[in-house]
N, C-alpha and C. Protein backbone atom coordinates (compact mmCIF):
# COMPACT_ATOMS: atom_id res chain seq x y z
N UNK A 1 33.22 91.56 98.90
CA UNK A 1 32.50 91.80 100.12
C UNK A 1 31.62 93.23 99.01
N UNK A 2 29.96 92.99 99.33
CA UNK A 2 29.33 93.71 98.60
C UNK A 2 29.02 95.01 99.41
N UNK A 3 28.43 96.26 99.25
CA UNK A 3 28.05 97.26 99.89
C UNK A 3 27.22 96.75 101.51
N UNK A 4 26.87 95.85 101.06
CA UNK A 4 25.66 95.11 102.28
C UNK A 4 26.50 94.93 103.39
N UNK A 5 27.60 94.28 103.07
CA UNK A 5 28.44 93.81 104.08
C UNK A 5 28.81 94.34 104.53
N UNK A 6 29.42 96.04 103.92
CA UNK A 6 30.25 96.95 104.47
C UNK A 6 29.82 97.05 106.14
N UNK A 7 30.59 97.16 107.24
CA UNK A 7 30.55 97.42 108.28
C UNK A 7 31.64 98.75 108.67
N UNK A 8 31.24 100.02 108.66
CA UNK A 8 31.88 101.07 108.39
C UNK A 8 32.65 101.14 110.48
N UNK A 9 32.33 100.30 111.01
CA UNK A 9 32.50 100.75 112.92
C UNK A 9 33.84 100.04 112.77
N UNK A 10 33.21 98.49 112.12
CA UNK A 10 34.46 97.37 111.92
C UNK A 10 35.54 97.95 111.35
N UNK A 11 35.60 98.21 110.32
CA UNK A 11 36.74 99.04 109.51
C UNK A 11 37.20 99.63 110.10
N UNK A 12 36.94 100.95 110.79
CA UNK A 12 37.45 101.93 111.50
C UNK A 12 38.12 101.08 112.65
N UNK A 13 37.96 99.79 113.01
CA UNK A 13 38.07 99.40 114.56
C UNK A 13 39.42 99.33 113.46
N UNK A 14 39.49 98.23 112.61
CA UNK A 14 40.63 97.74 111.63
C UNK A 14 41.53 98.41 111.69
N UNK A 15 41.28 99.64 110.92
CA UNK A 15 42.18 100.76 110.46
C UNK A 15 43.07 101.61 112.37
N UNK A 16 42.17 101.51 112.94
CA UNK A 16 42.70 102.08 114.17
C UNK A 16 43.49 100.92 114.87
N UNK A 17 43.47 99.59 115.13
CA UNK A 17 44.02 98.81 115.70
C UNK A 17 45.51 98.95 114.28
N UNK A 18 45.74 99.12 113.38
CA UNK A 18 46.65 98.47 112.55
C UNK A 18 47.72 99.64 112.47
N UNK A 19 47.08 101.04 112.25
CA UNK A 19 47.34 102.41 113.07
C UNK A 19 48.67 102.20 114.94
N UNK A 20 47.66 101.27 115.58
CA UNK A 20 48.35 101.76 116.96
C UNK A 20 49.59 100.37 116.65
N UNK A 21 49.33 99.32 116.48
CA UNK A 21 50.18 98.04 115.83
C UNK A 21 51.59 99.00 115.48
N UNK A 22 51.25 99.47 114.30
CA UNK A 22 52.93 100.36 113.67
C UNK A 22 53.13 100.63 114.55
N UNK A 23 52.70 102.02 115.59
CA UNK A 23 53.31 103.14 116.04
C UNK A 23 54.06 101.74 117.85
N UNK A 24 53.06 101.11 118.00
CA UNK A 24 53.53 100.09 119.10
C UNK A 24 54.84 99.26 118.47
N UNK A 25 55.32 99.02 117.24
CA UNK A 25 56.37 98.47 117.05
C UNK A 25 57.18 99.66 116.50
N UNK A 26 57.06 100.73 116.07
CA UNK A 26 58.29 102.02 116.68
C UNK A 26 58.57 101.98 117.30
N UNK A 27 57.62 102.53 118.36
CA UNK A 27 58.19 102.83 119.46
C UNK A 27 58.86 101.82 120.15
N UNK A 28 58.55 100.36 120.27
CA UNK A 28 59.37 99.53 120.91
C UNK A 28 61.32 99.50 119.60
N UNK A 29 61.05 99.84 118.68
CA UNK A 29 62.17 99.91 118.05
C UNK A 29 63.38 101.12 118.49
N UNK A 30 62.53 102.13 119.07
CA UNK A 30 63.01 103.02 119.09
C UNK A 30 63.93 102.92 120.53
N UNK A 31 63.24 102.08 121.71
CA UNK A 31 63.20 102.06 123.02
C UNK A 31 64.42 100.88 122.81
N UNK A 32 64.63 100.34 121.75
CA UNK A 32 65.71 99.56 121.56
C UNK A 32 67.05 100.13 121.07
N UNK A 33 66.74 100.53 120.35
CA UNK A 33 67.93 101.63 119.79
C UNK A 33 68.04 102.43 120.87
N UNK A 34 67.58 103.88 121.76
CA UNK A 34 67.33 104.21 122.79
C UNK A 34 68.47 103.29 124.08
N UNK A 35 68.24 102.47 124.12
CA UNK A 35 68.69 101.08 125.25
C UNK A 35 69.87 100.77 124.41
N UNK A 36 70.34 100.70 123.70
CA UNK A 36 71.74 100.33 123.01
C UNK A 36 72.94 101.62 122.89
N UNK A 37 72.06 102.63 122.90
CA UNK A 37 72.84 103.81 122.91
C UNK A 37 73.10 103.47 124.13
N UNK A 38 72.50 104.12 125.57
CA UNK A 38 72.51 104.49 126.83
C UNK A 38 73.61 102.99 126.83
N UNK A 39 73.26 101.29 126.62
CA UNK A 39 74.57 100.85 127.42
C UNK A 39 75.97 101.17 126.60
N UNK A 40 75.56 101.48 125.19
CA UNK A 40 77.41 101.97 124.79
C UNK A 40 78.01 102.67 125.78
N UNK A 41 77.47 104.00 126.18
CA UNK A 41 77.56 105.01 126.95
C UNK A 41 78.62 104.79 128.32
N UNK A 42 77.13 104.38 128.50
CA UNK A 42 77.04 103.29 130.08
C UNK A 42 79.16 102.34 130.34
N UNK A 43 79.02 101.46 129.02
CA UNK A 43 80.48 100.90 128.50
C UNK A 43 81.61 101.62 128.68
N UNK A 44 81.36 103.41 127.55
CA UNK A 44 82.15 103.74 127.26
C UNK A 44 83.12 104.40 129.15
N UNK A 45 81.43 104.56 129.92
CA UNK A 45 81.59 105.38 131.22
C UNK A 45 82.61 104.28 132.23
N UNK A 46 82.54 103.51 131.90
CA UNK A 46 82.79 102.46 132.69
C UNK A 46 84.52 102.34 132.46
N UNK A 47 84.60 102.40 131.65
CA UNK A 47 86.32 101.77 130.73
C UNK A 47 87.22 103.57 131.43
N UNK A 48 86.36 104.52 131.14
CA UNK A 48 86.83 105.58 131.96
C UNK A 48 87.22 105.99 133.63
N UNK A 49 85.57 105.25 134.10
CA UNK A 49 86.10 105.09 135.20
C UNK A 49 87.23 104.19 136.25
N UNK A 50 87.96 103.51 135.46
CA UNK A 50 88.52 102.03 135.44
C UNK A 50 90.10 102.79 135.62
N UNK A 51 90.10 103.69 133.62
CA UNK A 51 91.31 104.23 133.94
C UNK A 51 91.29 105.34 135.03
N UNK A 52 90.78 106.22 135.12
CA UNK A 52 90.88 107.04 136.27
C UNK A 52 90.88 106.22 137.57
N UNK A 53 90.78 105.33 137.87
CA UNK A 53 91.24 104.39 139.11
C UNK A 53 92.41 104.08 139.11
N UNK A 54 92.70 103.78 137.94
CA UNK A 54 94.19 103.30 138.10
C UNK A 54 94.85 104.63 137.94
N UNK A 55 95.15 106.15 137.37
CA UNK A 55 95.38 106.91 137.75
C UNK A 55 95.45 107.50 138.90
N UNK A 56 94.62 107.66 140.06
CA UNK A 56 94.56 107.88 141.05
C UNK A 56 95.38 106.61 141.81
N UNK A 57 95.50 105.45 141.75
CA UNK A 57 96.23 104.49 142.06
C UNK A 57 97.66 104.74 141.90
N UNK A 58 98.27 104.52 141.08
CA UNK A 58 99.50 105.85 140.38
C UNK A 58 99.55 106.76 141.38
N UNK A 59 99.03 107.98 141.19
CA UNK A 59 99.65 108.99 141.98
C UNK A 59 99.39 109.14 143.57
N UNK A 60 98.38 107.80 143.50
CA UNK A 60 99.18 107.72 145.51
C UNK A 60 100.39 106.96 145.53
N UNK A 61 100.58 106.18 144.86
CA UNK A 61 101.95 105.42 144.87
C UNK A 61 103.21 106.42 144.71
N UNK A 62 102.94 107.20 143.97
CA UNK A 62 103.57 108.17 143.87
C UNK A 62 103.98 109.28 145.01
N UNK A 63 102.67 109.62 145.58
CA UNK A 63 102.92 110.11 146.50
C UNK A 63 103.61 109.95 147.69
N UNK A 64 103.18 108.42 147.47
CA UNK A 64 103.67 107.45 148.97
C UNK A 64 105.07 107.62 148.62
N UNK A 65 105.71 107.46 147.59
CA UNK A 65 107.74 107.46 147.28
C UNK A 65 108.17 108.88 147.24
N UNK A 66 107.34 109.53 147.20
CA UNK A 66 107.26 111.37 147.27
C UNK A 66 107.76 111.30 148.74
N UNK A 67 106.96 110.98 149.77
CA UNK A 67 106.84 111.49 151.52
C UNK A 67 107.98 110.25 151.68
N UNK A 68 108.18 109.16 151.27
CA UNK A 68 109.32 108.35 151.66
C UNK A 68 110.64 109.56 151.34
N UNK A 69 110.97 109.50 150.40
CA UNK A 69 111.88 110.26 150.05
C UNK A 69 112.51 111.50 150.25
N UNK A 70 110.96 112.45 150.80
CA UNK A 70 111.24 113.70 151.64
C UNK A 70 111.61 113.12 152.98
N UNK A 71 111.24 112.38 153.83
CA UNK A 71 111.51 112.17 154.93
C UNK A 71 112.96 111.56 155.27
N UNK A 72 113.29 110.30 154.21
CA UNK A 72 115.08 110.09 153.72
C UNK A 72 115.85 111.04 154.26
N UNK A 73 115.07 112.70 153.53
CA UNK A 73 116.19 113.83 153.54
C UNK A 73 116.54 114.34 154.42
N UNK A 74 115.37 114.42 155.66
CA UNK A 74 115.30 115.26 156.82
C UNK A 74 116.48 114.41 157.67
């Protein structure tokens, strides 16, 4: 390309577009990474919720047994 063919406006548009494309790719990578972290934490919360529900069920059963034993003693 000779000096006579150089188009500063086109060059600056290309530089801007390259920077924009790089930022968009970085943004997408960050979003994917954060989505993966959120999914991992959601999974951990779901497991804890399940464990808590199981413990609550056991507590309810134990309370029912205790009520039965208490009523039999009377």
